[in-house]
Amino acid sequence: MAKHITLDELNAWTFDQRQTFYRNGLARFDNADSVRLVEMIVTSGLPFRHGKDIAHGDREMKALEAIVCSPYNEKLLLEAAASGKPPLGAIEPLLAESLGEDYRIDNGATIAAGYLIAKRLYALGFEKGNSQKMPDGSVAKTAATFRKKRA
C-alpha cells in the first residue's frame, strides 16, 4: 500500500519532487491507491511537469482517456484481460492512430495509456498482474496484464 501523503506535504515539496512523484505514480500503477495519489497531485493545482511530457488536461491525455473509456473499447480491454494478454495491446493501434506522432515513449504517452487502463480496470474490480512484452510493431515495449480480483 502506498504511503498516505497529505496535500500539505505535497505543497511543501519542490517542483522536482512533485514531478518525480507524478512520473513514478503513472509508471507504477500497482493498485487503486497509487491512482489516488496521482489524482491528488493533478487536482492540487501545483506544478508537477515540464512542457514536454503529456499530463492530465492536455489534448493528448484527453484523447487517450476517450479511447480507454469508450464502451466498445472497454470490451476489448476486458477480452484481453480475460485471455491473459496486456489490455494495452488490444487498443494501442487505436491510440497510435488517434494521436499519431504524439503517441510515443519519450513524452510519456505509453505510460499514461497504461495508467488510464489500470485506473479503468481497477474500477471494474481487476488487479494488476505481471507485465508482458508487447507484440512486434507496438510503440510500448511492455504492458501490464490484469486479472479479476478474487472475492
Protein backbone atom coordinates (compact mmCIF):
# COMPACT_ATOMS: atom_id res chain seq x y z
CA MET A 1 0.00 0.00 0.00
CA ALA A 2 1.26 3.47 -0.83
CA LYS A 3 2.24 5.91 1.91
CA HIS A 4 -0.54 8.29 2.90
CA ILE A 5 0.53 11.72 1.67
CA THR A 6 -1.38 14.86 2.57
CA LEU A 7 -1.92 17.94 0.46
CA ASP A 8 0.16 19.94 2.96
CA GLU A 9 3.10 17.58 2.41
CA LEU A 10 2.67 17.80 -1.33
CA ASN A 11 2.63 21.59 -1.14
CA ALA A 12 5.95 21.58 0.74
CA TRP A 13 7.69 19.53 -1.94
CA THR A 14 9.90 21.05 -4.62
CA PHE A 15 8.85 21.02 -8.26
CA ASP A 16 11.32 18.20 -8.94
CA GLN A 17 9.88 16.10 -6.11
CA ARG A 18 6.34 16.55 -7.44
CA GLN A 19 7.47 15.75 -10.97
CA THR A 20 9.19 12.54 -9.82
CA PHE A 21 6.13 11.61 -7.75
CA TYR A 22 3.82 12.11 -10.74
CA ARG A 23 6.03 10.16 -13.17
CA ASN A 24 6.51 7.31 -10.71
CA GLY A 25 2.80 7.21 -9.98
CA LEU A 26 1.97 6.89 -13.67
CA ALA A 27 4.61 4.26 -14.22
CA ARG A 28 3.85 2.21 -11.07
CA PHE A 29 0.08 1.90 -11.09
CA ASP A 30 0.27 -1.05 -8.66
CA ASN A 31 -3.12 -0.51 -7.09
CA ALA A 32 -6.04 1.88 -6.74
CA ASP A 33 -4.19 3.80 -4.02
CA SER A 34 -1.40 4.66 -6.49
CA VAL A 35 -4.06 6.01 -8.84
CA ARG A 36 -5.50 8.10 -5.99
CA LEU A 37 -2.11 9.67 -5.32
CA VAL A 38 -1.65 10.67 -8.97
CA GLU A 39 -5.14 12.15 -8.99
CA MET A 40 -4.28 14.13 -5.85
CA ILE A 41 -1.27 15.79 -7.45
CA VAL A 42 -3.25 16.61 -10.59
CA THR A 43 -6.14 18.18 -8.70
CA SER A 44 -3.84 20.07 -6.30
CA GLY A 45 -3.12 22.73 -8.90
CA LEU A 46 0.58 22.61 -8.02
CA PRO A 47 3.09 22.48 -10.88
CA PHE A 48 4.40 18.97 -11.46
CA ARG A 49 5.72 18.65 -15.01
CA HIS A 50 7.77 20.28 -17.72
CA GLY A 51 6.06 21.05 -21.02
CA LYS A 52 7.39 18.06 -22.97
CA ASP A 53 5.52 15.38 -21.01
CA ILE A 54 1.82 14.86 -21.55
CA ALA A 55 -0.31 15.16 -18.44
CA HIS A 56 -3.90 15.31 -17.25
CA GLY A 57 -5.83 18.05 -19.01
CA ASP A 58 -3.66 18.02 -22.14
CA ARG A 59 -5.22 17.38 -25.54
CA GLU A 60 -3.27 14.13 -25.83
CA MET A 61 -4.37 12.87 -22.42
CA LYS A 62 -7.99 13.67 -23.25
CA ALA A 63 -7.69 11.66 -26.47
CA LEU A 64 -6.20 8.72 -24.55
CA GLU A 65 -8.99 8.92 -21.96
CA ALA A 66 -11.70 8.97 -24.64
CA ILE A 67 -10.32 5.82 -26.23
CA VAL A 68 -9.72 3.94 -22.96
CA CYS A 69 -13.15 4.84 -21.56
CA SER A 70 -15.15 4.06 -24.72
CA PRO A 71 -17.73 1.31 -24.02
CA TYR A 72 -16.68 -0.52 -27.20
CA ASN A 73 -13.01 -0.37 -26.26
CA GLU A 74 -13.82 -1.49 -22.71
CA LYS A 75 -14.95 -4.75 -24.26
CA LEU A 76 -11.54 -5.06 -25.96
CA LEU A 77 -9.77 -4.37 -22.65
CA LEU A 78 -11.84 -6.98 -20.82
CA GLU A 79 -11.30 -9.60 -23.53
CA ALA A 80 -7.54 -9.05 -23.43
CA ALA A 81 -7.51 -9.26 -19.63
CA ALA A 82 -9.56 -12.48 -19.71
CA SER A 83 -7.11 -14.05 -22.16
CA GLY A 84 -4.08 -13.08 -20.03
CA LYS A 85 -2.79 -10.53 -22.53
CA PRO A 86 -1.97 -6.87 -21.85
CA PRO A 87 -5.10 -4.78 -22.46
CA LEU A 88 -2.88 -2.03 -23.89
CA GLY A 89 -2.10 -4.34 -26.80
CA ALA A 90 -5.80 -4.53 -27.67
CA ILE A 91 -6.22 -0.78 -28.10
CA GLU A 92 -2.75 0.54 -28.85
CA PRO A 93 -3.42 0.67 -32.61
CA LEU A 94 -6.37 2.97 -31.87
CA LEU A 95 -4.21 5.14 -29.62
CA ALA A 96 -1.45 5.39 -32.22
CA GLU A 97 -3.94 6.21 -34.96
CA SER A 98 -5.68 8.88 -32.89
CA LEU A 99 -2.55 10.59 -31.54
CA GLY A 100 -0.24 10.00 -34.50
CA GLU A 101 3.28 11.21 -33.71
CA ASP A 102 2.14 12.29 -30.23
CA TYR A 103 1.81 8.63 -29.16
CA ARG A 104 5.38 7.79 -28.23
CA ILE A 105 7.56 6.70 -25.34
CA ASP A 106 9.61 9.86 -24.79
CA ASN A 107 6.65 12.10 -23.97
CA GLY A 108 5.11 9.60 -21.56
CA ALA A 109 2.12 8.72 -23.77
CA THR A 110 2.61 4.96 -23.46
CA ILE A 111 2.93 5.21 -19.68
CA ALA A 112 -0.14 7.45 -19.49
CA ALA A 113 -2.12 4.96 -21.58
CA GLY A 114 -1.15 2.12 -19.24
CA TYR A 115 -2.08 4.24 -16.23
CA LEU A 116 -5.52 5.07 -17.67
CA ILE A 117 -6.16 1.41 -18.50
CA ALA A 118 -5.20 0.41 -14.94
CA LYS A 119 -7.46 3.08 -13.49
CA ARG A 120 -10.36 1.80 -15.61
CA LEU A 121 -9.78 -1.85 -14.77
CA TYR A 122 -9.35 -1.18 -11.03
CA ALA A 123 -12.78 0.44 -11.11
CA LEU A 124 -14.13 -2.75 -12.71
CA GLY A 125 -12.72 -4.99 -9.96
CA PHE A 126 -9.42 -6.06 -11.51
CA GLU A 127 -5.93 -6.15 -10.07
CA LYS A 128 -2.60 -5.76 -11.81
CA GLY A 129 -0.76 -8.87 -12.91
CA ASN A 130 2.65 -9.36 -14.46
CA SER A 131 3.96 -7.31 -17.34
CA GLN A 132 4.45 -8.90 -20.73
CA LYS A 133 6.29 -7.95 -23.88
CA MET A 134 4.06 -6.13 -26.34
CA PRO A 135 3.58 -7.52 -29.87
CA ASP A 136 6.13 -6.64 -32.56
CA GLY A 137 5.45 -3.24 -34.07
CA SER A 138 3.98 -1.82 -30.86
CA VAL A 139 5.08 1.57 -29.59
CA ALA A 140 5.09 0.39 -25.96
CA LYS A 141 7.68 -2.28 -25.22
CA THR A 142 5.91 -3.96 -22.28
CA ALA A 143 2.49 -3.65 -20.65
CA ALA A 144 0.70 -4.97 -17.59
CA THR A 145 -1.78 -7.81 -17.53
CA PHE A 146 -4.82 -7.76 -15.26
CA ARG A 147 -6.95 -10.35 -13.54
CA LYS A 148 -10.29 -10.20 -11.80
CA LYS A 149 -9.91 -9.86 -8.04
CA ARG A 150 -10.86 -12.92 -6.05
CA ALA A 151 -13.71 -12.49 -3.65
